[in-house]
Amino acid sequence: MTTDVLPLFAAGLVLGVSLAAPPGPVMAIMATASAQGRPRESVATAMGGIVGDAVWLLMAVAGFVTVLRANPRVIGALGIIGGAMLLWMAWQGFRSARRGIADSTIKGSFRVGFAAVLSSPYSFAWWVASGPIVISTLRVPGIVGLFFSLVVYTVTFSYALSWLGARVKHAALVVAYIGVATLTLFGGYFIQEGFRLLRG
């Protein structure tokens, strides 16, 4: 019914914020790039993550998420690979921050965002928990609202933080160190969860 479209769309918007707002590896890379005046790089990284979420959604629709849940070792292996990538990025970012933020080597890209989301146990858990609700309850309007919310949040966050970084002294350096800490925590978490899933 057409009267259901707006409520479902609004519910999708709220659900999208629950996926985008929590701090995570993609957010850390976005924040570092934006604070250093590279909002387009931040948006590209986020778009990679959004496409990664779309892949998780398609796998949920196809029932593949259920298959993966029955074979956690696959997710475990992906988690270890993703965690190692994040720890390497954190180390490079830490070295760059010590040398000077202008030389930062934490570089975002569409591929980085895409890989981070597809190798994330958090993303897998979110889609296992929320995928059936999104598909069966929110239907097409809710799905459109969810991804619309992700895109709007991405652009707003990237350009707002870029504006802030250009006006607040040392903001970029502070954000860089926060990004390093976040990447380290999530890298360690991905690896820990990966080994736990591999052990069964």
N, C-alpha and C. Protein backbone atom coordinates (compact mmCIF):
# COMPACT_ATOMS: atom_id res chain seq x y z
N MET A 1 0.84 -1.20 0.00
CA MET A 1 0.00 0.00 0.00
C MET A 1 0.87 1.25 0.00
N THR A 2 0.42 2.27 -0.73
CA THR A 2 1.22 3.50 -0.82
C THR A 2 1.34 4.20 0.52
N THR A 3 0.35 4.00 1.42
CA THR A 3 0.44 4.66 2.72
C THR A 3 1.57 4.10 3.56
N ASP A 4 2.07 2.91 3.21
CA ASP A 4 3.17 2.29 3.96
C ASP A 4 4.54 2.77 3.49
N VAL A 5 4.60 3.41 2.33
CA VAL A 5 5.90 3.72 1.73
C VAL A 5 6.73 4.65 2.61
N LEU A 6 6.14 5.77 3.03
CA LEU A 6 6.90 6.74 3.82
C LEU A 6 7.35 6.18 5.17
N PRO A 7 6.49 5.50 5.94
CA PRO A 7 6.96 4.91 7.21
C PRO A 7 8.08 3.89 7.00
N LEU A 8 7.97 3.08 5.96
CA LEU A 8 9.02 2.10 5.69
C LEU A 8 10.32 2.79 5.28
N PHE A 9 10.19 3.83 4.44
CA PHE A 9 11.37 4.60 4.02
C PHE A 9 12.04 5.23 5.25
N ALA A 10 11.24 5.81 6.16
CA ALA A 10 11.78 6.45 7.37
C ALA A 10 12.47 5.42 8.26
N ALA A 11 11.87 4.23 8.38
CA ALA A 11 12.50 3.18 9.18
C ALA A 11 13.84 2.77 8.58
N GLY A 12 13.90 2.72 7.25
CA GLY A 12 15.16 2.41 6.58
C GLY A 12 16.21 3.46 6.83
N LEU A 13 15.78 4.74 6.86
CA LEU A 13 16.72 5.82 7.17
C LEU A 13 17.36 5.62 8.53
N VAL A 14 16.54 5.31 9.53
CA VAL A 14 17.05 5.12 10.90
C VAL A 14 17.98 3.91 10.96
N LEU A 15 17.58 2.83 10.31
CA LEU A 15 18.41 1.63 10.30
C LEU A 15 19.75 1.89 9.61
N GLY A 16 19.74 2.73 8.57
CA GLY A 16 20.98 3.07 7.89
C GLY A 16 21.95 3.80 8.79
N VAL A 17 21.44 4.68 9.64
CA VAL A 17 22.31 5.38 10.60
C VAL A 17 22.94 4.39 11.57
N SER A 18 22.18 3.36 11.97
CA SER A 18 22.74 2.36 12.89
C SER A 18 23.89 1.59 12.25
N LEU A 19 23.90 1.53 10.94
CA LEU A 19 24.98 0.85 10.22
C LEU A 19 26.15 1.78 9.96
N ALA A 20 25.87 3.08 9.70
CA ALA A 20 26.92 4.02 9.31
C ALA A 20 27.61 4.70 10.49
N ALA A 21 26.87 5.02 11.54
CA ALA A 21 27.39 5.89 12.59
C ALA A 21 28.42 5.26 13.53
N PRO A 22 28.29 3.97 13.91
CA PRO A 22 29.26 3.43 14.87
C PRO A 22 30.68 3.52 14.34
N PRO A 23 31.65 3.86 15.21
CA PRO A 23 33.05 3.92 14.76
C PRO A 23 33.52 2.56 14.29
N GLY A 24 34.26 2.57 13.24
CA GLY A 24 34.79 1.33 12.67
C GLY A 24 35.94 1.63 11.74
N PRO A 25 36.49 0.63 11.08
CA PRO A 25 37.66 0.86 10.22
C PRO A 25 37.38 1.79 9.06
N VAL A 26 36.24 1.65 8.40
CA VAL A 26 35.93 2.54 7.27
C VAL A 26 35.77 3.97 7.77
N MET A 27 35.10 4.13 8.91
CA MET A 27 34.93 5.47 9.48
C MET A 27 36.28 6.09 9.84
N ALA A 28 37.20 5.29 10.37
CA ALA A 28 38.52 5.81 10.73
C ALA A 28 39.26 6.32 9.50
N ILE A 29 39.21 5.56 8.41
CA ILE A 29 39.88 5.98 7.17
C ILE A 29 39.22 7.23 6.62
N MET A 30 37.88 7.27 6.65
CA MET A 30 37.14 8.44 6.19
C MET A 30 37.51 9.68 6.99
N ALA A 31 37.54 9.52 8.32
CA ALA A 31 37.82 10.67 9.19
C ALA A 31 39.21 11.23 8.93
N THR A 32 40.20 10.34 8.78
CA THR A 32 41.56 10.80 8.53
C THR A 32 41.65 11.55 7.21
N ALA A 33 41.07 10.99 6.16
CA ALA A 33 41.11 11.64 4.84
C ALA A 33 40.38 12.99 4.88
N SER A 34 39.21 13.04 5.50
CA SER A 34 38.43 14.28 5.54
C SER A 34 39.15 15.36 6.31
N ALA A 35 39.68 15.01 7.47
CA ALA A 35 40.36 16.01 8.31
C ALA A 35 41.61 16.56 7.64
N GLN A 36 42.17 15.78 6.71
CA GLN A 36 43.35 16.24 5.98
C GLN A 36 42.98 16.95 4.68
N GLY A 37 41.68 17.22 4.50
CA GLY A 37 41.25 17.97 3.33
C GLY A 37 41.05 17.13 2.09
N ARG A 38 40.76 15.83 2.27
CA ARG A 38 40.53 14.94 1.13
C ARG A 38 39.13 14.33 1.21
N PRO A 39 38.09 15.17 1.20
CA PRO A 39 36.73 14.62 1.36
C PRO A 39 36.31 13.68 0.24
N ARG A 40 36.81 13.91 -0.98
CA ARG A 40 36.43 13.01 -2.07
C ARG A 40 36.96 11.60 -1.83
N GLU A 41 38.16 11.52 -1.28
CA GLU A 41 38.74 10.21 -0.94
C GLU A 41 37.90 9.54 0.15
N SER A 42 37.46 10.34 1.11
CA SER A 42 36.59 9.83 2.17
C SER A 42 35.29 9.27 1.60
N VAL A 43 34.67 10.02 0.69
CA VAL A 43 33.42 9.59 0.07
C VAL A 43 33.65 8.31 -0.75
N ALA A 44 34.76 8.26 -1.49
CA ALA A 44 35.05 7.07 -2.30
C ALA A 44 35.21 5.84 -1.42
N THR A 45 35.89 6.00 -0.27
CA THR A 45 36.06 4.89 0.66
C THR A 45 34.71 4.42 1.18
N ALA A 46 33.87 5.40 1.56
CA ALA A 46 32.54 5.05 2.07
C ALA A 46 31.69 4.38 1.01
N MET A 47 31.79 4.84 -0.23
CA MET A 47 31.01 4.22 -1.30
C MET A 47 31.42 2.76 -1.51
N GLY A 48 32.71 2.49 -1.36
CA GLY A 48 33.15 1.10 -1.41
C GLY A 48 32.51 0.28 -0.30
N GLY A 49 32.44 0.89 0.91
CA GLY A 49 31.79 0.21 2.02
C GLY A 49 30.30 0.00 1.77
N ILE A 50 29.65 1.00 1.17
CA ILE A 50 28.21 0.90 0.89
C ILE A 50 27.94 -0.20 -0.13
N VAL A 51 28.80 -0.28 -1.16
CA VAL A 51 28.64 -1.36 -2.13
C VAL A 51 28.88 -2.71 -1.46
N GLY A 52 29.83 -2.74 -0.50
CA GLY A 52 30.05 -3.97 0.27
C GLY A 52 28.79 -4.37 1.03
N ASP A 53 28.13 -3.37 1.64
CA ASP A 53 26.86 -3.66 2.33
C ASP A 53 25.80 -4.15 1.35
N ALA A 54 25.79 -3.58 0.15
CA ALA A 54 24.83 -4.03 -0.86
C ALA A 54 25.09 -5.49 -1.24
N VAL A 55 26.37 -5.87 -1.28
CA VAL A 55 26.70 -7.27 -1.56
C VAL A 55 26.20 -8.17 -0.44
N TRP A 56 26.39 -7.73 0.83
CA TRP A 56 25.86 -8.50 1.95
C TRP A 56 24.34 -8.63 1.83
N LEU A 57 23.67 -7.55 1.44
CA LEU A 57 22.22 -7.59 1.27
C LEU A 57 21.82 -8.61 0.21
N LEU A 58 22.52 -8.58 -0.93
CA LEU A 58 22.21 -9.52 -2.01
C LEU A 58 22.45 -10.96 -1.55
N MET A 59 23.51 -11.16 -0.75
CA MET A 59 23.77 -12.51 -0.24
C MET A 59 22.68 -12.94 0.74
N ALA A 60 22.17 -11.96 1.52
CA ALA A 60 21.06 -12.28 2.43
C ALA A 60 19.82 -12.66 1.64
N VAL A 61 19.55 -11.91 0.57
CA VAL A 61 18.38 -12.22 -0.28
C VAL A 61 18.53 -13.61 -0.90
N ALA A 62 19.73 -13.94 -1.34
CA ALA A 62 19.98 -15.23 -1.99
C ALA A 62 20.09 -16.38 -1.00
N GLY A 63 20.11 -16.06 0.30
CA GLY A 63 20.25 -17.11 1.30
C GLY A 63 21.69 -17.48 1.59
N PHE A 64 22.65 -16.76 0.95
CA PHE A 64 24.06 -17.12 1.12
C PHE A 64 24.56 -16.79 2.52
N VAL A 65 23.98 -15.75 3.17
CA VAL A 65 24.37 -15.41 4.53
C VAL A 65 24.08 -16.58 5.47
N THR A 66 22.96 -17.26 5.23
CA THR A 66 22.62 -18.43 6.04
C THR A 66 23.65 -19.54 5.83
N VAL A 67 24.09 -19.70 4.58
CA VAL A 67 25.13 -20.69 4.28
C VAL A 67 26.42 -20.35 5.01
N LEU A 68 26.80 -19.07 4.98
CA LEU A 68 28.01 -18.65 5.67
C LEU A 68 27.90 -18.85 7.18
N ARG A 69 26.72 -18.60 7.72
CA ARG A 69 26.52 -18.79 9.16
C ARG A 69 26.74 -20.26 9.53
N ALA A 70 26.40 -21.16 8.61
CA ALA A 70 26.62 -22.59 8.85
C ALA A 70 28.07 -23.00 8.59
N ASN A 71 28.86 -22.11 7.98
CA ASN A 71 30.29 -22.39 7.70
C ASN A 71 31.13 -21.22 8.21
N PRO A 72 31.22 -21.06 9.53
CA PRO A 72 31.88 -19.87 10.09
C PRO A 72 33.37 -19.77 9.80
N ARG A 73 33.99 -20.89 9.41
CA ARG A 73 35.43 -20.84 9.13
C ARG A 73 35.75 -19.93 7.94
N VAL A 74 34.81 -19.84 6.99
CA VAL A 74 35.01 -18.93 5.86
C VAL A 74 35.06 -17.49 6.36
N ILE A 75 34.11 -17.12 7.22
CA ILE A 75 34.11 -15.78 7.81
C ILE A 75 35.35 -15.58 8.66
N GLY A 76 35.77 -16.61 9.37
CA GLY A 76 36.97 -16.51 10.19
C GLY A 76 38.20 -16.19 9.36
N ALA A 77 38.35 -16.88 8.23
CA ALA A 77 39.51 -16.63 7.36
C ALA A 77 39.47 -15.21 6.80
N LEU A 78 38.29 -14.76 6.37
CA LEU A 78 38.15 -13.39 5.87
C LEU A 78 38.47 -12.38 6.97
N GLY A 79 38.03 -12.68 8.20
CA GLY A 79 38.29 -11.77 9.32
C GLY A 79 39.78 -11.61 9.60
N ILE A 80 40.52 -12.71 9.53
CA ILE A 80 41.97 -12.66 9.78
C ILE A 80 42.66 -11.84 8.70
N ILE A 81 42.28 -12.06 7.45
CA ILE A 81 42.87 -11.29 6.34
C ILE A 81 42.54 -9.81 6.49
N GLY A 82 41.27 -9.51 6.76
CA GLY A 82 40.86 -8.11 6.94
C GLY A 82 41.54 -7.46 8.12
N GLY A 83 41.66 -8.20 9.24
CA GLY A 83 42.33 -7.66 10.42
C GLY A 83 43.79 -7.34 10.17
N ALA A 84 44.47 -8.23 9.44
CA ALA A 84 45.87 -7.98 9.10
C ALA A 84 46.01 -6.72 8.25
N MET A 85 45.08 -6.54 7.30
CA MET A 85 45.11 -5.34 6.46
C MET A 85 44.93 -4.08 7.31
N LEU A 86 44.00 -4.12 8.28
CA LEU A 86 43.76 -2.95 9.12
C LEU A 86 44.96 -2.66 10.02
N LEU A 87 45.59 -3.69 10.57
CA LEU A 87 46.77 -3.47 11.41
C LEU A 87 47.92 -2.88 10.61
N TRP A 88 48.08 -3.33 9.37
CA TRP A 88 49.13 -2.76 8.52
C TRP A 88 48.84 -1.28 8.25
N MET A 89 47.58 -0.96 7.98
CA MET A 89 47.21 0.44 7.74
C MET A 89 47.42 1.27 9.00
N ALA A 90 47.12 0.70 10.16
CA ALA A 90 47.32 1.43 11.42
C ALA A 90 48.79 1.73 11.65
N TRP A 91 49.66 0.76 11.36
CA TRP A 91 51.10 0.95 11.53
C TRP A 91 51.61 2.04 10.58
N GLN A 92 51.18 1.99 9.33
CA GLN A 92 51.58 3.02 8.38
C GLN A 92 51.07 4.39 8.81
N GLY A 93 49.86 4.44 9.32
CA GLY A 93 49.30 5.70 9.78
C GLY A 93 50.03 6.26 10.97
N PHE A 94 50.43 5.39 11.90
CA PHE A 94 51.17 5.82 13.08
C PHE A 94 52.52 6.41 12.68
N ARG A 95 53.21 5.73 11.78
CA ARG A 95 54.51 6.23 11.32
C ARG A 95 54.35 7.59 10.63
N SER A 96 53.29 7.73 9.84
CA SER A 96 53.05 8.99 9.13
C SER A 96 52.73 10.11 10.10
N ALA A 97 51.90 9.82 11.11
CA ALA A 97 51.53 10.85 12.09
C ALA A 97 52.74 11.34 12.85
N ARG A 98 53.67 10.45 13.13
CA ARG A 98 54.89 10.86 13.85
C ARG A 98 55.78 11.73 12.96
N ARG A 99 55.79 11.44 11.66
CA ARG A 99 56.62 12.24 10.73
C ARG A 99 55.98 13.59 10.44
N GLY A 100 54.65 13.61 10.45
CA GLY A 100 53.92 14.82 10.07
C GLY A 100 52.73 14.42 9.25
N ILE A 101 51.59 15.00 9.58
CA ILE A 101 50.33 14.56 9.01
C ILE A 101 50.27 14.74 7.49
N ALA A 102 51.03 15.67 6.97
CA ALA A 102 51.00 15.90 5.52
C ALA A 102 51.52 14.70 4.74
N ASP A 103 52.36 13.86 5.44
CA ASP A 103 52.94 12.70 4.78
C ASP A 103 52.12 11.43 5.03
N SER A 104 50.90 11.57 5.50
CA SER A 104 50.10 10.41 5.87
C SER A 104 49.99 9.40 4.75
N THR A 105 50.14 8.11 5.12
CA THR A 105 49.97 7.05 4.14
C THR A 105 48.70 6.24 4.38
N ILE A 106 47.85 6.69 5.30
CA ILE A 106 46.53 6.05 5.41
C ILE A 106 45.70 6.59 4.26
N LYS A 107 45.62 5.83 3.21
CA LYS A 107 44.90 6.28 2.02
C LYS A 107 43.63 5.47 1.85
N GLY A 108 42.55 6.16 1.67
CA GLY A 108 41.29 5.50 1.42
C GLY A 108 41.06 5.35 -0.07
N SER A 109 40.17 4.45 -0.42
CA SER A 109 39.78 4.26 -1.82
C SER A 109 38.52 3.40 -1.82
N PHE A 110 37.88 3.34 -2.95
CA PHE A 110 36.70 2.49 -3.11
C PHE A 110 37.04 1.05 -2.75
N ARG A 111 38.18 0.55 -3.25
CA ARG A 111 38.56 -0.84 -3.02
C ARG A 111 38.83 -1.12 -1.55
N VAL A 112 39.46 -0.15 -0.85
CA VAL A 112 39.74 -0.33 0.57
C VAL A 112 38.44 -0.43 1.37
N GLY A 113 37.50 0.48 1.09
CA GLY A 113 36.21 0.43 1.78
C GLY A 113 35.45 -0.85 1.50
N PHE A 114 35.47 -1.28 0.26
CA PHE A 114 34.78 -2.50 -0.15
C PHE A 114 35.36 -3.72 0.57
N ALA A 115 36.71 -3.81 0.57
CA ALA A 115 37.36 -4.96 1.21
C ALA A 115 37.14 -4.96 2.72
N ALA A 116 37.19 -3.77 3.34
CA ALA A 116 37.02 -3.68 4.79
C ALA A 116 35.64 -4.18 5.21
N VAL A 117 34.61 -3.82 4.46
CA VAL A 117 33.24 -4.23 4.83
C VAL A 117 33.04 -5.72 4.57
N LEU A 118 33.52 -6.23 3.44
CA LEU A 118 33.30 -7.64 3.13
C LEU A 118 34.10 -8.57 4.04
N SER A 119 35.19 -8.09 4.64
CA SER A 119 35.99 -8.94 5.53
C SER A 119 35.67 -8.70 7.00
N SER A 120 34.65 -7.90 7.27
CA SER A 120 34.33 -7.51 8.64
C SER A 120 33.35 -8.47 9.31
N PRO A 121 33.75 -9.11 10.42
CA PRO A 121 32.79 -9.91 11.19
C PRO A 121 31.62 -9.07 11.70
N TYR A 122 31.88 -7.77 11.97
CA TYR A 122 30.78 -6.90 12.42
C TYR A 122 29.73 -6.76 11.33
N SER A 123 30.18 -6.53 10.09
CA SER A 123 29.22 -6.40 8.99
C SER A 123 28.45 -7.69 8.78
N PHE A 124 29.16 -8.82 8.87
CA PHE A 124 28.48 -10.10 8.75
C PHE A 124 27.42 -10.26 9.84
N ALA A 125 27.81 -9.95 11.09
CA ALA A 125 26.87 -10.09 12.21
C ALA A 125 25.68 -9.15 12.04
N TRP A 126 25.94 -7.91 11.56
CA TRP A 126 24.85 -6.95 11.38
C TRP A 126 23.85 -7.46 10.36
N TRP A 127 24.35 -8.01 9.25
CA TRP A 127 23.44 -8.49 8.20
C TRP A 127 22.75 -9.79 8.59
N VAL A 128 23.42 -10.63 9.39
CA VAL A 128 22.75 -11.83 9.91
C VAL A 128 21.57 -11.41 10.79
N ALA A 129 21.81 -10.39 11.64
CA ALA A 129 20.77 -9.94 12.57
C ALA A 129 19.70 -9.10 11.88
N SER A 130 20.13 -8.21 10.97
CA SER A 130 19.20 -7.24 10.40
C SER A 130 18.72 -7.59 8.99
N GLY A 131 19.47 -8.42 8.28
CA GLY A 131 19.10 -8.74 6.91
C GLY A 131 17.68 -9.26 6.75
N PRO A 132 17.30 -10.27 7.54
CA PRO A 132 15.92 -10.76 7.40
C PRO A 132 14.87 -9.69 7.69
N ILE A 133 15.15 -8.81 8.67
CA ILE A 133 14.21 -7.73 9.00
C ILE A 133 14.11 -6.75 7.84
N VAL A 134 15.25 -6.37 7.29
CA VAL A 134 15.27 -5.42 6.18
C VAL A 134 14.48 -5.97 5.00
N ILE A 135 14.71 -7.25 4.69
CA ILE A 135 14.09 -7.84 3.51
C ILE A 135 12.60 -8.07 3.71
N SER A 136 12.23 -8.69 4.83
CA SER A 136 10.85 -9.11 5.01
C SER A 136 9.93 -8.03 5.55
N THR A 137 10.49 -7.13 6.38
CA THR A 137 9.65 -6.13 7.03
C THR A 137 9.67 -4.78 6.30
N LEU A 138 10.86 -4.28 5.99
CA LEU A 138 10.97 -2.95 5.39
C LEU A 138 10.75 -2.98 3.88
N ARG A 139 11.02 -4.13 3.28
CA ARG A 139 10.80 -4.31 1.85
C ARG A 139 11.55 -3.24 1.03
N VAL A 140 11.13 -3.01 -0.19
CA VAL A 140 11.87 -2.12 -1.10
C VAL A 140 11.97 -0.69 -0.58
N PRO A 141 10.88 -0.06 -0.07
CA PRO A 141 11.02 1.32 0.44
C PRO A 141 12.04 1.43 1.57
N GLY A 142 12.04 0.45 2.47
CA GLY A 142 13.00 0.48 3.57
C GLY A 142 14.43 0.31 3.12
N ILE A 143 14.62 -0.57 2.13
CA ILE A 143 15.97 -0.78 1.59
C ILE A 143 16.47 0.49 0.91
N VAL A 144 15.58 1.14 0.14
CA VAL A 144 15.96 2.41 -0.50
C VAL A 144 16.30 3.44 0.57
N GLY A 145 15.50 3.52 1.63
CA GLY A 145 15.77 4.47 2.71
C GLY A 145 17.08 4.18 3.40
N LEU A 146 17.39 2.90 3.60
CA LEU A 146 18.64 2.52 4.26
C LEU A 146 19.84 3.02 3.47
N PHE A 147 19.86 2.72 2.18
CA PHE A 147 21.03 3.10 1.38
C PHE A 147 21.06 4.61 1.10
N PHE A 148 19.90 5.24 1.02
CA PHE A 148 19.87 6.70 0.90
C PHE A 148 20.48 7.33 2.14
N SER A 149 20.15 6.79 3.31
CA SER A 149 20.70 7.28 4.57
C SER A 149 22.22 7.14 4.60
N LEU A 150 22.72 5.99 4.12
CA LEU A 150 24.17 5.77 4.10
C LEU A 150 24.88 6.80 3.23
N VAL A 151 24.32 7.09 2.05
CA VAL A 151 24.95 8.04 1.14
C VAL A 151 24.93 9.45 1.73
N VAL A 152 23.78 9.88 2.26
CA VAL A 152 23.67 11.23 2.84
C VAL A 152 24.62 11.38 4.03
N TYR A 153 24.67 10.37 4.89
CA TYR A 153 25.55 10.41 6.06
C TYR A 153 27.01 10.52 5.61
N THR A 154 27.36 9.75 4.59
CA THR A 154 28.74 9.75 4.08
C THR A 154 29.17 11.13 3.60
N VAL A 155 28.37 11.73 2.74
CA VAL A 155 28.72 13.04 2.16
C VAL A 155 28.74 14.11 3.25
N THR A 156 27.75 14.11 4.13
CA THR A 156 27.69 15.10 5.20
C THR A 156 28.89 14.98 6.13
N PHE A 157 29.18 13.76 6.57
CA PHE A 157 30.31 13.53 7.48
C PHE A 157 31.62 13.95 6.84
N SER A 158 31.84 13.55 5.59
CA SER A 158 33.12 13.81 4.92
C SER A 158 33.39 15.30 4.77
N TYR A 159 32.40 16.05 4.29
CA TYR A 159 32.62 17.47 4.03
C TYR A 159 32.57 18.31 5.31
N ALA A 160 31.78 17.88 6.31
CA ALA A 160 31.76 18.61 7.58
C ALA A 160 33.10 18.47 8.29
N LEU A 161 33.67 17.27 8.31
CA LEU A 161 34.95 17.08 8.98
C LEU A 161 36.08 17.74 8.20
N SER A 162 35.97 17.77 6.87
CA SER A 162 36.96 18.48 6.07
C SER A 162 36.94 19.97 6.39
N TRP A 163 35.74 20.53 6.52
CA TRP A 163 35.60 21.95 6.88
C TRP A 163 36.20 22.21 8.26
N LEU A 164 35.94 21.31 9.21
CA LEU A 164 36.47 21.46 10.56
C LEU A 164 37.99 21.37 10.57
N GLY A 165 38.52 20.38 9.83
CA GLY A 165 39.96 20.18 9.81
C GLY A 165 40.70 21.36 9.23
N ALA A 166 40.08 22.08 8.32
CA ALA A 166 40.72 23.24 7.71
C ALA A 166 40.74 24.45 8.64
N ARG A 167 39.92 24.42 9.70
CA ARG A 167 39.77 25.60 10.56
C ARG A 167 40.28 25.41 11.99
N VAL A 168 40.47 24.18 12.41
CA VAL A 168 40.91 23.92 13.77
C VAL A 168 42.34 23.40 13.74
N LYS A 169 43.23 24.11 14.40
CA LYS A 169 44.64 23.74 14.40
C LYS A 169 44.83 22.36 15.03
N HIS A 170 45.62 21.56 14.40
CA HIS A 170 45.96 20.21 14.86
C HIS A 170 44.79 19.22 14.80
N ALA A 171 43.65 19.63 14.26
CA ALA A 171 42.50 18.71 14.19
C ALA A 171 42.85 17.48 13.39
N ALA A 172 43.56 17.68 12.27
CA ALA A 172 43.89 16.54 11.41
C ALA A 172 44.80 15.55 12.12
N LEU A 173 45.75 16.06 12.91
CA LEU A 173 46.67 15.17 13.63
C LEU A 173 45.93 14.38 14.70
N VAL A 174 45.04 15.04 15.42
CA VAL A 174 44.25 14.36 16.45
C VAL A 174 43.39 13.26 15.81
N VAL A 175 42.73 13.61 14.70
CA VAL A 175 41.88 12.63 14.02
C VAL A 175 42.73 11.47 13.49
N ALA A 176 43.95 11.76 13.03
CA ALA A 176 44.82 10.71 12.52
C ALA A 176 45.16 9.71 13.61
N TYR A 177 45.50 10.20 14.81
CA TYR A 177 45.81 9.29 15.91
C TYR A 177 44.58 8.51 16.36
N ILE A 178 43.42 9.15 16.35
CA ILE A 178 42.18 8.43 16.67
C ILE A 178 41.94 7.34 15.63
N GLY A 179 42.19 7.69 14.37
CA GLY A 179 42.04 6.70 13.31
C GLY A 179 42.98 5.52 13.48
N VAL A 180 44.24 5.79 13.86
CA VAL A 180 45.21 4.72 14.09
C VAL A 180 44.72 3.81 15.22
N ALA A 181 44.26 4.41 16.32
CA ALA A 181 43.77 3.62 17.44
C ALA A 181 42.57 2.77 17.04
N THR A 182 41.66 3.36 16.27
CA THR A 182 40.46 2.63 15.85
C THR A 182 40.82 1.47 14.93
N LEU A 183 41.72 1.72 13.97
CA LEU A 183 42.13 0.65 13.06
C LEU A 183 42.82 -0.48 13.82
N THR A 184 43.63 -0.12 14.83
CA THR A 184 44.33 -1.12 15.64
C THR A 184 43.33 -1.98 16.41
N LEU A 185 42.36 -1.33 17.05
CA LEU A 185 41.36 -2.06 17.82
C LEU A 185 40.54 -3.01 16.94
N PHE A 186 40.08 -2.49 15.81
CA PHE A 186 39.26 -3.33 14.94
C PHE A 186 40.09 -4.40 14.24
N GLY A 187 41.34 -4.08 13.91
CA GLY A 187 42.21 -5.10 13.34
C GLY A 187 42.41 -6.26 14.30
N GLY A 188 42.70 -5.92 15.57
CA GLY A 188 42.84 -6.95 16.59
C GLY A 188 41.56 -7.74 16.79
N TYR A 189 40.44 -7.03 16.78
CA TYR A 189 39.14 -7.69 16.97
C TYR A 189 38.84 -8.64 15.81
N PHE A 190 39.09 -8.19 14.58
CA PHE A 190 38.84 -9.04 13.41
C PHE A 190 39.66 -10.33 13.50
N ILE A 191 40.95 -10.18 13.86
CA ILE A 191 41.83 -11.34 13.94
C ILE A 191 41.40 -12.28 15.07
N GLN A 192 41.07 -11.71 16.23
CA GLN A 192 40.61 -12.52 17.35
C GLN A 192 39.34 -13.30 16.99
N GLU A 193 38.38 -12.61 16.40
CA GLU A 193 37.14 -13.26 15.99
C GLU A 193 37.39 -14.28 14.89
N GLY A 194 38.33 -13.97 14.00
CA GLY A 194 38.66 -14.89 12.92
C GLY A 194 39.19 -16.21 13.46
N PHE A 195 40.13 -16.14 14.41
CA PHE A 195 40.68 -17.37 14.99
C PHE A 195 39.61 -18.11 15.80
N ARG A 196 38.73 -17.37 16.48
CA ARG A 196 37.66 -18.01 17.24
C ARG A 196 36.73 -18.79 16.30
N LEU A 197 36.41 -18.19 15.16
CA LEU A 197 35.54 -18.87 14.20
C LEU A 197 36.24 -20.06 13.54
N LEU A 198 37.55 -19.93 13.30
CA LEU A 198 38.29 -21.04 12.71
C LEU A 198 38.35 -22.24 13.65
N ARG A 199 38.46 -21.94 14.96
CA ARG A 199 38.51 -23.03 15.95
C ARG A 199 37.14 -23.69 16.11
N GLY A 200 36.09 -22.94 15.72
CA GLY A 200 34.73 -23.47 15.86
C GLY A 200 34.26 -23.37 17.29
